[in-house]
PDB file of N, CA and C in Angstrom:
ATOM      1  N   MET A   1      82.058 124.099  88.023  1.00  0.00           N
ATOM      2  CA  MET A   1      83.186 123.720  88.834  1.00  0.00           C
ATOM      3  C   MET A   1      83.537 122.259  88.581  1.00  0.00           C
ATOM      4  N   LYS A   2      84.821 121.965  88.684  1.00  0.00           N
ATOM      5  CA  LYS A   2      85.282 120.624  88.374  1.00  0.00           C
ATOM      6  C   LYS A   2      86.173 120.107  89.488  1.00  0.00           C
ATOM      7  N   ASN A   3      85.987 118.866  89.847  1.00  0.00           N
ATOM      8  CA  ASN A   3      86.863 118.233  90.822  1.00  0.00           C
ATOM      9  C   ASN A   3      88.117 117.745  90.112  1.00  0.00           C
ATOM     10  N   ILE A   4      89.272 117.912  90.763  1.00  0.00           N
ATOM     11  CA  ILE A   4      90.505 117.382  90.201  1.00  0.00           C
ATOM     12  C   ILE A   4      90.487 115.860  90.296  1.00  0.00           C
ATOM     13  N   ASN A   5      90.112 115.339  91.437  1.00  0.00           N
ATOM     14  CA  ASN A   5      89.865 113.913  91.578  1.00  0.00           C
ATOM     15  C   ASN A   5      88.783 113.734  92.640  1.00  0.00           C
ATOM     16  N   LYS A   6      88.405 112.516  92.911  1.00  0.00           N
ATOM     17  CA  LYS A   6      87.267 112.288  93.799  1.00  0.00           C
ATOM     18  C   LYS A   6      87.539 112.683  95.243  1.00  0.00           C
ATOM     19  N   ASN A   7      88.799 112.883  95.612  1.00  0.00           N
ATOM     20  CA  ASN A   7      89.140 113.218  96.986  1.00  0.00           C
ATOM     21  C   ASN A   7      89.314 114.721  97.221  1.00  0.00           C
ATOM     22  N   THR A   8      89.119 115.531  96.208  1.00  0.00           N
ATOM     23  CA  THR A   8      89.307 116.968  96.366  1.00  0.00           C
ATOM     24  C   THR A   8      87.966 117.686  96.317  1.00  0.00           C
ATOM     25  N   LYS A   9      87.978 118.877  96.872  1.00  0.00           N
ATOM     26  CA  LYS A   9      86.787 119.722  96.817  1.00  0.00           C
ATOM     27  C   LYS A   9      86.736 120.411  95.458  1.00  0.00           C
ATOM     28  N   PRO A  10      85.557 120.817  95.016  1.00  0.00           N
ATOM     29  CA  PRO A  10      85.466 121.545  93.752  1.00  0.00           C
ATOM     30  C   PRO A  10      86.278 122.848  93.806  1.00  0.00           C
ATOM     31  N   ILE A  11      86.874 123.190  92.689  1.00  0.00           N
ATOM     32  CA  ILE A  11      87.667 124.409  92.586  1.00  0.00           C
ATOM     33  C   ILE A  11      86.774 125.514  92.028  1.00  0.00           C
ATOM     34  N   LYS A  12      86.730 126.621  92.731  1.00  0.00           N
ATOM     35  CA  LYS A  12      85.965 127.759  92.246  1.00  0.00           C
ATOM     36  C   LYS A  12      86.940 128.914  92.020  1.00  0.00           C
ATOM     37  N   ILE A  13      87.060 129.332  90.790  1.00  0.00           N
ATOM     38  CA  ILE A  13      87.973 130.415  90.440  1.00  0.00           C
ATOM     39  C   ILE A  13      87.171 131.696  90.346  1.00  0.00           C
ATOM     40  N   ILE A  14      87.590 132.691  91.099  1.00  0.00           N
ATOM     41  CA  ILE A  14      86.924 133.996  91.078  1.00  0.00           C
ATOM     42  C   ILE A  14      87.799 134.941  90.264  1.00  0.00           C
ATOM     43  N   MET A  15      87.327 135.318  89.104  1.00  0.00           N
ATOM     44  CA  MET A  15      88.079 136.213  88.231  1.00  0.00           C
ATOM     45  C   MET A  15      87.964 137.647  88.740  1.00  0.00           C
ATOM     46  N   PRO A  16      89.033 138.444  88.577  1.00  0.00           N
ATOM     47  CA  PRO A  16      88.963 139.830  89.022  1.00  0.00           C
ATOM     48  C   PRO A  16      88.010 140.639  88.152  1.00  0.00           C
ATOM     49  N   THR A  17      87.441 141.675  88.755  1.00  0.00           N
ATOM     50  CA  THR A  17      86.591 142.581  87.986  1.00  0.00           C
ATOM     51  C   THR A  17      87.477 143.412  87.076  1.00  0.00           C
ATOM     52  N   ASP A  18      86.872 144.173  86.172  1.00  0.00           N
ATOM     53  CA  ASP A  18      87.652 145.021  85.267  1.00  0.00           C
ATOM     54  C   ASP A  18      88.487 146.025  86.054  1.00  0.00           C
ATOM     55  N   GLU A  19      87.922 146.612  87.109  1.00  0.00           N
ATOM     56  CA  GLU A  19      88.658 147.584  87.921  1.00  0.00           C
ATOM     57  C   GLU A  19      89.822 146.909  88.652  1.00  0.00           C
ATOM     58  N   GLU A  20      89.604 145.729  89.198  1.00  0.00           N
ATOM     59  CA  GLU A  20      90.682 145.006  89.879  1.00  0.00           C
ATOM     60  C   GLU A  20      91.775 144.622  88.896  1.00  0.00           C
ATOM     61  N   ASP A  21      91.392 144.190  87.703  1.00  0.00           N
ATOM     62  CA  ASP A  21      92.365 143.826  86.678  1.00  0.00           C
ATOM     63  C   ASP A  21      93.191 145.041  86.274  1.00  0.00           C
ATOM     64  N   TYR A  22      92.547 146.189  86.163  1.00  0.00           N
ATOM     65  CA  TYR A  22      93.239 147.433  85.826  1.00  0.00           C
ATOM     66  C   TYR A  22      94.263 147.784  86.909  1.00  0.00           C
ATOM     67  N   GLN A  23      93.876 147.645  88.178  1.00  0.00           N
ATOM     68  CA  GLN A  23      94.786 147.946  89.279  1.00  0.00           C
ATOM     69  C   GLN A  23      95.969 146.972  89.306  1.00  0.00           C
ATOM     70  N   ILE A  24      95.713 145.722  89.018  1.00  0.00           N
ATOM     71  CA  ILE A  24      96.790 144.722  88.970  1.00  0.00           C
ATOM     72  C   ILE A  24      97.764 145.050  87.843  1.00  0.00           C
ATOM     73  N   THR A  25      97.221 145.434  86.687  1.00  0.00           N
ATOM     74  CA  THR A  25      98.063 145.792  85.550  1.00  0.00           C
ATOM     75  C   THR A  25      98.903 147.019  85.849  1.00  0.00           C
ATOM     76  N   LEU A  26      98.319 148.034  86.478  1.00  0.00           N
ATOM     77  CA  LEU A  26      99.083 149.233  86.853  1.00  0.00           C
ATOM     78  C   LEU A  26     100.212 148.883  87.803  1.00  0.00           C
ATOM     79  N   ALA A  27      99.946 148.038  88.773  1.00  0.00           N
ATOM     80  CA  ALA A  27     100.980 147.644  89.729  1.00  0.00           C
ATOM     81  C   ALA A  27     102.109 146.893  89.023  1.00  0.00           C
ATOM     82  N   ALA A  28     101.766 146.016  88.078  1.00  0.00           N
ATOM     83  CA  ALA A  28     102.790 145.272  87.345  1.00  0.00           C
ATOM     84  C   ALA A  28     103.627 146.194  86.465  1.00  0.00           C
ATOM     85  N   MET A  29     102.980 147.169  85.836  1.00  0.00           N
ATOM     86  CA  MET A  29     103.702 148.098  84.962  1.00  0.00           C
ATOM     87  C   MET A  29     104.644 149.007  85.741  1.00  0.00           C
ATOM     88  N   SER A  30     104.328 149.282  86.998  1.00  0.00           N
ATOM     89  CA  SER A  30     105.160 150.194  87.786  1.00  0.00           C
ATOM     90  C   SER A  30     106.305 149.499  88.503  1.00  0.00           C
ATOM     91  N   ASP A  31     106.413 148.172  88.401  1.00  0.00           N
ATOM     92  CA  ASP A  31     107.479 147.429  89.070  1.00  0.00           C
ATOM     93  C   ASP A  31     108.749 147.501  88.228  1.00  0.00           C
ATOM     94  N   PRO A  32     109.789 148.245  88.691  1.00  0.00           N
ATOM     95  CA  PRO A  32     110.998 148.393  87.886  1.00  0.00           C
ATOM     96  C   PRO A  32     111.856 147.124  87.839  1.00  0.00           C
ATOM     97  N   ASP A  33     111.700 146.234  88.803  1.00  0.00           N
ATOM     98  CA  ASP A  33     112.533 145.030  88.846  1.00  0.00           C
ATOM     99  C   ASP A  33     112.043 143.930  87.914  1.00  0.00           C
ATOM    100  N   CYS A  34     110.778 143.943  87.572  1.00  0.00           N
ATOM    101  CA  CYS A  34     110.219 142.862  86.755  1.00  0.00           C
ATOM    102  C   CYS A  34     109.090 143.406  85.880  1.00  0.00           C
ATOM    103  N   PRO A  35     109.437 144.113  84.812  1.00  0.00           N
ATOM    104  CA  PRO A  35     108.377 144.660  83.952  1.00  0.00           C
ATOM    105  C   PRO A  35     107.654 143.543  83.199  1.00  0.00           C
ATOM    106  N   PRO A  36     106.382 143.739  82.860  1.00  0.00           N
ATOM    107  CA  PRO A  36     105.649 142.725  82.093  1.00  0.00           C
ATOM    108  C   PRO A  36     106.290 142.515  80.723  1.00  0.00           C
ATOM    109  N   MET A  37     106.153 141.304  80.202  1.00  0.00           N
ATOM    110  CA  MET A  37     106.728 140.989  78.897  1.00  0.00           C
ATOM    111  C   MET A  37     105.896 141.615  77.788  1.00  0.00           C
ATOM    112  N   THR A  38     106.578 142.044  76.754  1.00  0.00           N
ATOM    113  CA  THR A  38     105.905 142.628  75.593  1.00  0.00           C
ATOM    114  C   THR A  38     105.719 141.557  74.527  1.00  0.00           C
ATOM    115  N   ASP A  39     104.986 141.893  73.483  1.00  0.00           N
ATOM    116  CA  ASP A  39     104.802 140.959  72.368  1.00  0.00           C
ATOM    117  C   ASP A  39     106.142 140.640  71.711  1.00  0.00           C
ATOM    118  N   ALA A  40     107.040 141.636  71.625  1.00  0.00           N
ATOM    119  CA  ALA A  40     108.361 141.411  71.040  1.00  0.00           C
ATOM    120  C   ALA A  40     109.169 140.423  71.885  1.00  0.00           C
ATOM    121  N   ASP A  41     109.024 140.491  73.210  1.00  0.00           N
ATOM    122  CA  ASP A  41     109.711 139.541  74.086  1.00  0.00           C
ATOM    123  C   ASP A  41     109.246 138.117  73.798  1.00  0.00           C
ATOM    124  N   PHE A  42     107.937 137.939  73.629  1.00  0.00           N
ATOM    125  CA  PHE A  42     107.398 136.611  73.367  1.00  0.00           C
ATOM    126  C   PHE A  42     107.833 136.091  72.001  1.00  0.00           C
ATOM    127  N   GLU A  43     107.960 136.976  71.011  1.00  0.00           N
ATOM    128  CA  GLU A  43     108.342 136.552  69.671  1.00  0.00           C
ATOM    129  C   GLU A  43     109.758 136.001  69.621  1.00  0.00           C
ATOM    130  N   CYS A  44     110.655 136.519  70.452  1.00  0.00           N
ATOM    131  CA  CYS A  44     112.050 136.073  70.399  1.00  0.00           C
ATOM    132  C   CYS A  44     112.305 134.843  71.269  1.00  0.00           C
ATOM    133  N   MET A  45     111.303 134.383  72.006  1.00  0.00           N
ATOM    134  CA  MET A  45     111.461 133.199  72.841  1.00  0.00           C
ATOM    135  C   MET A  45     111.349 131.936  71.998  1.00  0.00           C
ATOM    136  N   GLU A  46     112.076 130.893  72.410  1.00  0.00           N
ATOM    137  CA  GLU A  46     111.961 129.597  71.762  1.00  0.00           C
ATOM    138  C   GLU A  46     111.167 128.683  72.675  1.00  0.00           C
ATOM    139  N   ARG A  47     110.365 127.832  72.079  1.00  0.00           N
ATOM    140  CA  ARG A  47     109.509 126.945  72.857  1.00  0.00           C
ATOM    141  C   ARG A  47     110.269 125.679  73.237  1.00  0.00           C
ATOM    142  N   TYR A  48     110.301 125.405  74.527  1.00  0.00           N
ATOM    143  CA  TYR A  48     110.916 124.192  75.040  1.00  0.00           C
ATOM    144  C   TYR A  48     109.915 123.468  75.914  1.00  0.00           C
ATOM    145  N   GLY A  49     110.009 122.175  75.972  1.00  0.00           N
ATOM    146  CA  GLY A  49     109.132 121.393  76.829  1.00  0.00           C
ATOM    147  C   GLY A  49     109.931 120.336  77.564  1.00  0.00           C
ATOM    148  N   VAL A  50     109.450 119.940  78.705  1.00  0.00           N
ATOM    149  CA  VAL A  50     110.075 118.877  79.472  1.00  0.00           C
ATOM    150  C   VAL A  50     109.223 117.631  79.311  1.00  0.00           C
ATOM    151  N   PHE A  51     109.839 116.562  78.895  1.00  0.00           N
ATOM    152  CA  PHE A  51     109.126 115.319  78.645  1.00  0.00           C
ATOM    153  C   PHE A  51     109.532 114.281  79.675  1.00  0.00           C
ATOM    154  N   GLY A  52     108.583 113.540  80.160  1.00  0.00           N
ATOM    155  CA  GLY A  52     108.871 112.477  81.105  1.00  0.00           C
ATOM    156  C   GLY A  52     108.753 112.950  82.537  1.00  0.00           C
ATOM    157  N   ALA A  53     109.066 112.063  83.431  1.00  0.00           N
ATOM    158  CA  ALA A  53     109.005 112.359  84.853  1.00  0.00           C
ATOM    159  C   ALA A  53     110.389 112.103  85.449  1.00  0.00           C
ATOM    160  N   PRO A  54     111.194 113.132  85.646  1.00  0.00           N
ATOM    161  CA  PRO A  54     112.586 112.934  86.070  1.00  0.00           C
ATOM    162  C   PRO A  54     112.712 112.293  87.442  1.00  0.00           C
ATOM    163  N   TRP A  55     111.675 112.313  88.249  1.00  0.00           N
ATOM    164  CA  TRP A  55     111.757 111.746  89.588  1.00  0.00           C
ATOM    165  C   TRP A  55     111.425 110.262  89.623  1.00  0.00           C
ATOM    166  N   THR A  56     111.085 109.674  88.464  1.00  0.00           N
ATOM    167  CA  THR A  56     110.693 108.265  88.472  1.00  0.00           C
ATOM    168  C   THR A  56     111.721 107.345  87.822  1.00  0.00           C
ATOM    169  N   LYS A  57     112.268 107.717  86.693  1.00  0.00           N
ATOM    170  CA  LYS A  57     113.188 106.829  85.987  1.00  0.00           C
ATOM    171  C   LYS A  57     114.404 107.605  85.500  1.00  0.00           C
ATOM    172  N   PRO A  58     115.575 106.997  85.537  1.00  0.00           N
ATOM    173  CA  PRO A  58     116.762 107.656  84.978  1.00  0.00           C
ATOM    174  C   PRO A  58     116.594 107.905  83.486  1.00  0.00           C
ATOM    175  N   GLY A  59     117.050 109.035  83.037  1.00  0.00           N
ATOM    176  CA  GLY A  59     116.965 109.369  81.626  1.00  0.00           C
ATOM    177  C   GLY A  59     115.706 110.113  81.227  1.00  0.00           C
ATOM    178  N   TYR A  60     114.721 110.154  82.124  1.00  0.00           N
ATOM    179  CA  TYR A  60     113.490 110.893  81.842  1.00  0.00           C
ATOM    180  C   TYR A  60     113.680 112.352  82.237  1.00  0.00           C
ATOM    181  N   GLY A  61     112.797 113.193  81.759  1.00  0.00           N
ATOM    182  CA  GLY A  61     112.839 114.596  82.109  1.00  0.00           C
ATOM    183  C   GLY A  61     113.824 115.402  81.301  1.00  0.00           C
ATOM    184  N   GLN A  62     114.200 114.914  80.131  1.00  0.00           N
ATOM    185  CA  GLN A  62     115.135 115.635  79.296  1.00  0.00           C
ATOM    186  C   GLN A  62     114.456 116.840  78.663  1.00  0.00           C
ATOM    187  N   VAL A  63     115.123 117.960  78.623  1.00  0.00           N
ATOM    188  CA  VAL A  63     114.565 119.148  77.987  1.00  0.00           C
ATOM    189  C   VAL A  63     114.817 119.036  76.492  1.00  0.00           C
ATOM    190  N   LYS A  64     113.739 119.123  75.717  1.00  0.00           N
ATOM    191  CA  LYS A  64     113.836 119.011  74.278  1.00  0.00           C
ATOM    192  C   LYS A  64     113.147 120.180  73.612  1.00  0.00           C
ATOM    193  N   LYS A  65     113.716 120.645  72.526  1.00  0.00           N
ATOM    194  CA  LYS A  65     113.094 121.719  71.772  1.00  0.00           C
ATOM    195  C   LYS A  65     111.869 121.171  71.059  1.00  0.00           C
ATOM    196  N   THR A  66     110.725 121.887  71.194  1.00  0.00           N
ATOM    197  CA  THR A  66     109.474 121.377  70.637  1.00  0.00           C
ATOM    198  C   THR A  66     109.094 121.976  69.309  1.00  0.00           C
ATOM    199  N   ASN A  67     109.825 122.946  68.810  1.00  0.00           N
ATOM    200  CA  ASN A  67     109.487 123.490  67.485  1.00  0.00           C
ATOM    201  C   ASN A  67     110.714 123.701  66.674  1.00  0.00           C
TER     202      ASN A  67
END
């Protein structure tokens, strides 16, 4: 476990069991409004990143293509 900073409690992540993961996947696959993304969906996406902190200085936080 790792502390984010000295003022926070340690973070403990509990991963789902194989059966729980299977149930989560079934629920996601059965949702007609938001189906899970396929490998083909990921291939056609372009990578973008946000650089800077838009809440601190004017001109920061511009969206730039990273590849």
